Amino acid sequence: MTNSNFSCRCQYEPHVNTPWQSSACGPTAVASILEFYMEQNFSINMLYKKLHCTRLGLPSHFLLYYLPKLLGSNWIVKKTTLNDALQEIDRQHLVAVKFDRYFNRKFWRKPHFDYHWTVLVDYKIHLNQLYLIVEDLGSPSRPSQRQHVLYEDSKHALTFIKIHPI
């Protein structure tokens, strides 16, 4: 996909409530995806509240329950498989990706991120290895940047959620 027009938000933007910044990756990923399709700004603070995000983060089941209520019936918000997520990328759609080391059966295995939402923007296969290309949503000292994540090292901790208009 590698869409040069796609600009991902940063969860540490100054207008994001300071106490929420470290746990605002889920709402930031959602805001970035919605802005890609709708070409309007979404308040990360508003999404933080409407999606019932907590200081620990945004559980994927909260996103799957509350985001469709917020967007209405003209949107698809659905947990999906790796293969379907890659097909979404081939269709020029973005996919929300949650890394969650702690709430799975292999919590001792270290993924690329311990607990973090990202936006899947592309993928590549190099030497028979699948790499997911994700926007990492930034840090306190820099904006979002793209990272290449070896799927094999993180697959135990990944949840893919497709979000796009019908």
C-alpha atoms as a PDB file:
ATOM      1  CA  MET A   1       0.000   0.000   0.000  1.00  0.00           C
ATOM      2  CA  THR A   2       2.573   2.565   1.159  1.00  0.00           C
ATOM      3  CA  ASN A   3       0.308   5.553   0.792  1.00  0.00           C
ATOM      4  CA  SER A   4       2.432   8.701   0.823  1.00  0.00           C
ATOM      5  CA  ASN A   5      -0.681  10.763   1.607  1.00  0.00           C
ATOM      6  CA  PHE A   6      -1.271   8.919   4.857  1.00  0.00           C
ATOM      7  CA  SER A   7      -0.187  10.890   7.876  1.00  0.00           C
ATOM      8  CA  CYS A   8      -0.462   9.203  11.234  1.00  0.00           C
ATOM      9  CA  ARG A   9      -1.199  11.158  14.391  1.00  0.00           C
ATOM     10  CA  CYS A  10       1.015  11.070  17.485  1.00  0.00           C
ATOM     11  CA  GLN A  11      -0.445  10.100  20.845  1.00  0.00           C
ATOM     12  CA  TYR A  12       1.810  12.714  22.482  1.00  0.00           C
ATOM     13  CA  GLU A  13       0.438  15.693  20.553  1.00  0.00           C
ATOM     14  CA  PRO A  14       0.121  18.709  22.878  1.00  0.00           C
ATOM     15  CA  HIS A  15      -3.693  18.783  22.766  1.00  0.00           C
ATOM     16  CA  VAL A  16      -4.010  15.179  24.030  1.00  0.00           C
ATOM     17  CA  ASN A  17      -4.730  15.282  27.766  1.00  0.00           C
ATOM     18  CA  THR A  18      -1.335  14.832  29.416  1.00  0.00           C
ATOM     19  CA  PRO A  19      -2.439  12.102  31.875  1.00  0.00           C
ATOM     20  CA  TRP A  20      -3.872  10.125  28.945  1.00  0.00           C
ATOM     21  CA  GLN A  21      -0.957  10.390  26.515  1.00  0.00           C
ATOM     22  CA  SER A  22       0.811   7.167  27.501  1.00  0.00           C
ATOM     23  CA  SER A  23      -2.421   5.165  27.087  1.00  0.00           C
ATOM     24  CA  ALA A  24      -3.861   7.023  24.082  1.00  0.00           C
ATOM     25  CA  CYS A  25      -2.386   4.775  21.376  1.00  0.00           C
ATOM     26  CA  GLY A  26      -5.740   3.087  20.663  1.00  0.00           C
ATOM     27  CA  PRO A  27      -7.711   6.311  20.184  1.00  0.00           C
ATOM     28  CA  THR A  28      -4.786   7.754  18.201  1.00  0.00           C
ATOM     29  CA  ALA A  29      -4.748   4.760  15.840  1.00  0.00           C
ATOM     30  CA  VAL A  30      -8.516   5.077  15.369  1.00  0.00           C
ATOM     31  CA  ALA A  31      -8.303   8.846  14.777  1.00  0.00           C
ATOM     32  CA  SER A  32      -5.561   8.325  12.191  1.00  0.00           C
ATOM     33  CA  ILE A  33      -7.563   5.686  10.332  1.00  0.00           C
ATOM     34  CA  LEU A  34     -10.786   7.728  10.381  1.00  0.00           C
ATOM     35  CA  GLU A  35      -8.956  10.814   9.143  1.00  0.00           C
ATOM     36  CA  PHE A  36      -7.528   8.774   6.250  1.00  0.00           C
ATOM     37  CA  TYR A  37     -11.037   7.969   5.046  1.00  0.00           C
ATOM     38  CA  MET A  38     -12.983  11.052   6.071  1.00  0.00           C
ATOM     39  CA  GLU A  39     -10.408  13.820   5.627  1.00  0.00           C
ATOM     40  CA  GLN A  40     -11.431  15.586   8.809  1.00  0.00           C
ATOM     41  CA  ASN A  41      -9.774  15.844  12.203  1.00  0.00           C
ATOM     42  CA  PHE A  42     -10.937  13.679  15.073  1.00  0.00           C
ATOM     43  CA  SER A  43     -10.283  14.538  18.684  1.00  0.00           C
ATOM     44  CA  ILE A  44      -8.127  11.883  20.323  1.00  0.00           C
ATOM     45  CA  ASN A  45      -9.531  13.032  23.686  1.00  0.00           C
ATOM     46  CA  MET A  46     -13.110  12.524  22.448  1.00  0.00           C
ATOM     47  CA  LEU A  47     -12.289   9.047  21.133  1.00  0.00           C
ATOM     48  CA  TYR A  48     -10.524   8.235  24.407  1.00  0.00           C
ATOM     49  CA  LYS A  49     -13.801   8.906  26.230  1.00  0.00           C
ATOM     50  CA  LYS A  50     -16.227   7.446  23.662  1.00  0.00           C
ATOM     51  CA  LEU A  51     -14.262   4.200  23.325  1.00  0.00           C
ATOM     52  CA  HIS A  52     -14.040   3.887  27.121  1.00  0.00           C
ATOM     53  CA  CYS A  53     -10.261   3.826  27.067  1.00  0.00           C
ATOM     54  CA  THR A  54      -8.537   3.452  30.437  1.00  0.00           C
ATOM     55  CA  ARG A  55      -5.153   4.487  31.801  1.00  0.00           C
ATOM     56  CA  LEU A  56      -4.053   0.921  31.001  1.00  0.00           C
ATOM     57  CA  GLY A  57      -5.091   1.293  27.362  1.00  0.00           C
ATOM     58  CA  LEU A  58      -7.914   0.310  25.034  1.00  0.00           C
ATOM     59  CA  PRO A  59      -9.068  -3.322  25.160  1.00  0.00           C
ATOM     60  CA  SER A  60      -9.826  -4.582  21.660  1.00  0.00           C
ATOM     61  CA  HIS A  61     -13.308  -5.731  22.704  1.00  0.00           C
ATOM     62  CA  PHE A  62     -14.106  -2.133  23.760  1.00  0.00           C
ATOM     63  CA  LEU A  63     -13.066  -0.925  20.314  1.00  0.00           C
ATOM     64  CA  LEU A  64     -15.169  -3.609  18.635  1.00  0.00           C
ATOM     65  CA  TYR A  65     -18.201  -2.708  20.759  1.00  0.00           C
ATOM     66  CA  TYR A  66     -18.087   1.098  20.986  1.00  0.00           C
ATOM     67  CA  LEU A  67     -16.632   2.207  17.636  1.00  0.00           C
ATOM     68  CA  PRO A  68     -19.492   0.774  15.505  1.00  0.00           C
ATOM     69  CA  LYS A  69     -21.957   2.603  17.769  1.00  0.00           C
ATOM     70  CA  LEU A  70     -20.033   5.823  17.193  1.00  0.00           C
ATOM     71  CA  LEU A  71     -19.642   5.421  13.413  1.00  0.00           C
ATOM     72  CA  GLY A  72     -22.967   3.851  12.456  1.00  0.00           C
ATOM     73  CA  SER A  73     -23.928   1.138  10.009  1.00  0.00           C
ATOM     74  CA  ASN A  74     -21.966   2.495   7.038  1.00  0.00           C
ATOM     75  CA  TRP A  75     -18.691   1.299   8.525  1.00  0.00           C
ATOM     76  CA  ILE A  76     -17.012  -2.073   8.991  1.00  0.00           C
ATOM     77  CA  VAL A  77     -15.275  -2.563  12.336  1.00  0.00           C
ATOM     78  CA  LYS A  78     -14.312  -6.199  12.671  1.00  0.00           C
ATOM     79  CA  LYS A  79     -11.611  -8.395  14.174  1.00  0.00           C
ATOM     80  CA  THR A  80      -9.851 -10.191  11.364  1.00  0.00           C
ATOM     81  CA  THR A  81      -7.122 -12.665  10.485  1.00  0.00           C
ATOM     82  CA  LEU A  82      -3.628 -11.981   9.244  1.00  0.00           C
ATOM     83  CA  ASN A  83      -4.522 -13.061   5.703  1.00  0.00           C
ATOM     84  CA  ASP A  84      -7.582 -10.825   5.630  1.00  0.00           C
ATOM     85  CA  ALA A  85      -5.549  -7.925   7.067  1.00  0.00           C
ATOM     86  CA  LEU A  86      -3.014  -8.303   4.246  1.00  0.00           C
ATOM     87  CA  GLN A  87      -5.842  -8.369   1.700  1.00  0.00           C
ATOM     88  CA  GLU A  88      -7.177  -5.145   3.249  1.00  0.00           C
ATOM     89  CA  ILE A  89      -3.766  -3.554   2.695  1.00  0.00           C
ATOM     90  CA  ASP A  90      -3.805  -4.760  -0.926  1.00  0.00           C
ATOM     91  CA  ARG A  91      -7.206  -3.001  -1.257  1.00  0.00           C
ATOM     92  CA  GLN A  92      -5.639   0.262  -0.021  1.00  0.00           C
ATOM     93  CA  HIS A  93      -7.326   0.007   3.398  1.00  0.00           C
ATOM     94  CA  LEU A  94      -5.636   0.568   6.739  1.00  0.00           C
ATOM     95  CA  VAL A  95      -5.825  -1.927   9.610  1.00  0.00           C
ATOM     96  CA  ALA A  96      -5.545  -1.305  13.348  1.00  0.00           C
ATOM     97  CA  VAL A  97      -3.053  -3.679  14.968  1.00  0.00           C
ATOM     98  CA  LYS A  98      -2.825  -4.303  18.681  1.00  0.00           C
ATOM     99  CA  PHE A  99       0.285  -5.785  20.245  1.00  0.00           C
ATOM    100  CA  ASP A 100      -0.580  -7.331  23.603  1.00  0.00           C
ATOM    101  CA  ARG A 101       2.013  -9.405  25.393  1.00  0.00           C
ATOM    102  CA  TYR A 102       0.181  -9.518  28.702  1.00  0.00           C
ATOM    103  CA  PHE A 103      -3.282 -10.818  27.878  1.00  0.00           C
ATOM    104  CA  ASN A 104      -2.431 -13.930  25.901  1.00  0.00           C
ATOM    105  CA  ARG A 105      -1.222 -17.428  26.643  1.00  0.00           C
ATOM    106  CA  LYS A 106       2.396 -16.713  25.668  1.00  0.00           C
ATOM    107  CA  PHE A 107       3.013 -13.638  27.829  1.00  0.00           C
ATOM    108  CA  TRP A 108       6.633 -14.648  28.404  1.00  0.00           C
ATOM    109  CA  ARG A 109       7.475 -14.200  24.688  1.00  0.00           C
ATOM    110  CA  LYS A 110       8.581 -10.675  23.833  1.00  0.00           C
ATOM    111  CA  PRO A 111       6.846  -9.111  20.786  1.00  0.00           C
ATOM    112  CA  HIS A 112       8.005  -5.930  19.043  1.00  0.00           C
ATOM    113  CA  PHE A 113       5.809  -3.854  21.403  1.00  0.00           C
ATOM    114  CA  ASP A 114       4.613  -5.139  24.795  1.00  0.00           C
ATOM    115  CA  TYR A 115       1.214  -3.418  24.731  1.00  0.00           C
ATOM    116  CA  HIS A 116       0.529  -0.936  21.956  1.00  0.00           C
ATOM    117  CA  TRP A 117      -1.894  -0.067  19.159  1.00  0.00           C
ATOM    118  CA  THR A 118      -0.411   0.723  15.746  1.00  0.00           C
ATOM    119  CA  VAL A 119      -1.680   1.245  12.193  1.00  0.00           C
ATOM    120  CA  LEU A 120      -0.762  -1.347   9.570  1.00  0.00           C
ATOM    121  CA  VAL A 121       0.034   0.532   6.356  1.00  0.00           C
ATOM    122  CA  ASP A 122       1.920  -2.061   4.314  1.00  0.00           C
ATOM    123  CA  TYR A 123       3.785  -5.350   4.406  1.00  0.00           C
ATOM    124  CA  LYS A 124       6.676  -6.970   2.640  1.00  0.00           C
ATOM    125  CA  ILE A 125       8.166 -10.412   2.298  1.00  0.00           C
ATOM    126  CA  HIS A 126      11.944 -10.584   2.457  1.00  0.00           C
ATOM    127  CA  LEU A 127      13.871 -13.868   2.453  1.00  0.00           C
ATOM    128  CA  ASN A 128      10.610 -15.769   3.043  1.00  0.00           C
ATOM    129  CA  GLN A 129       9.879 -13.689   6.151  1.00  0.00           C
ATOM    130  CA  LEU A 130       6.772 -11.518   6.498  1.00  0.00           C
ATOM    131  CA  TYR A 131       7.322  -7.984   7.772  1.00  0.00           C
ATOM    132  CA  LEU A 132       4.422  -5.790   8.851  1.00  0.00           C
ATOM    133  CA  ILE A 133       4.981  -2.094   8.227  1.00  0.00           C
ATOM    134  CA  VAL A 134       3.254  -0.156  10.978  1.00  0.00           C
ATOM    135  CA  GLU A 135       3.014   3.456  12.093  1.00  0.00           C
ATOM    136  CA  ASP A 136       4.114   3.470  15.733  1.00  0.00           C
ATOM    137  CA  LEU A 137       2.159   6.637  16.778  1.00  0.00           C
ATOM    138  CA  GLY A 138       5.220   8.467  18.053  1.00  0.00           C
ATOM    139  CA  SER A 139       6.844   9.146  21.392  1.00  0.00           C
ATOM    140  CA  PRO A 140       7.159  12.193  23.651  1.00  0.00           C
ATOM    141  CA  SER A 141      10.194  13.283  21.616  1.00  0.00           C
ATOM    142  CA  ARG A 142       9.174  12.491  18.017  1.00  0.00           C
ATOM    143  CA  PRO A 143       6.217  12.089  15.656  1.00  0.00           C
ATOM    144  CA  SER A 144       4.932   8.757  14.408  1.00  0.00           C
ATOM    145  CA  GLN A 145       7.275   6.772  12.230  1.00  0.00           C
ATOM    146  CA  ARG A 146       7.085   3.565  10.236  1.00  0.00           C
ATOM    147  CA  GLN A 147       8.591   0.433  11.685  1.00  0.00           C
ATOM    148  CA  HIS A 148       9.171  -2.932  10.052  1.00  0.00           C
ATOM    149  CA  VAL A 149       8.015  -5.679  12.397  1.00  0.00           C
ATOM    150  CA  LEU A 150       8.950  -9.296  11.810  1.00  0.00           C
ATOM    151  CA  TYR A 151       5.594 -11.081  11.999  1.00  0.00           C
ATOM    152  CA  GLU A 152       7.042 -14.336  13.338  1.00  0.00           C
ATOM    153  CA  ASP A 153       8.425 -12.614  16.455  1.00  0.00           C
ATOM    154  CA  SER A 154       5.133 -10.922  17.363  1.00  0.00           C
ATOM    155  CA  LYS A 155       2.378 -13.151  15.957  1.00  0.00           C
ATOM    156  CA  HIS A 156       1.440 -14.517  19.401  1.00  0.00           C
ATOM    157  CA  ALA A 157       0.556 -11.010  20.601  1.00  0.00           C
ATOM    158  CA  LEU A 158      -1.270  -9.523  17.593  1.00  0.00           C
ATOM    159  CA  THR A 159      -4.905  -8.595  17.033  1.00  0.00           C
ATOM    160  CA  PHE A 160      -5.979  -7.142  13.676  1.00  0.00           C
ATOM    161  CA  ILE A 161      -9.077  -4.961  13.358  1.00  0.00           C
ATOM    162  CA  LYS A 162     -10.283  -3.680  10.018  1.00  0.00           C
ATOM    163  CA  ILE A 163     -11.966  -0.276  10.066  1.00  0.00           C
ATOM    164  CA  HIS A 164     -13.290   1.225   6.864  1.00  0.00           C
ATOM    165  CA  PRO A 165     -16.438   2.594   5.240  1.00  0.00           C
ATOM    166  CA  ILE A 166     -18.700   0.174   3.385  1.00  0.00           C
END
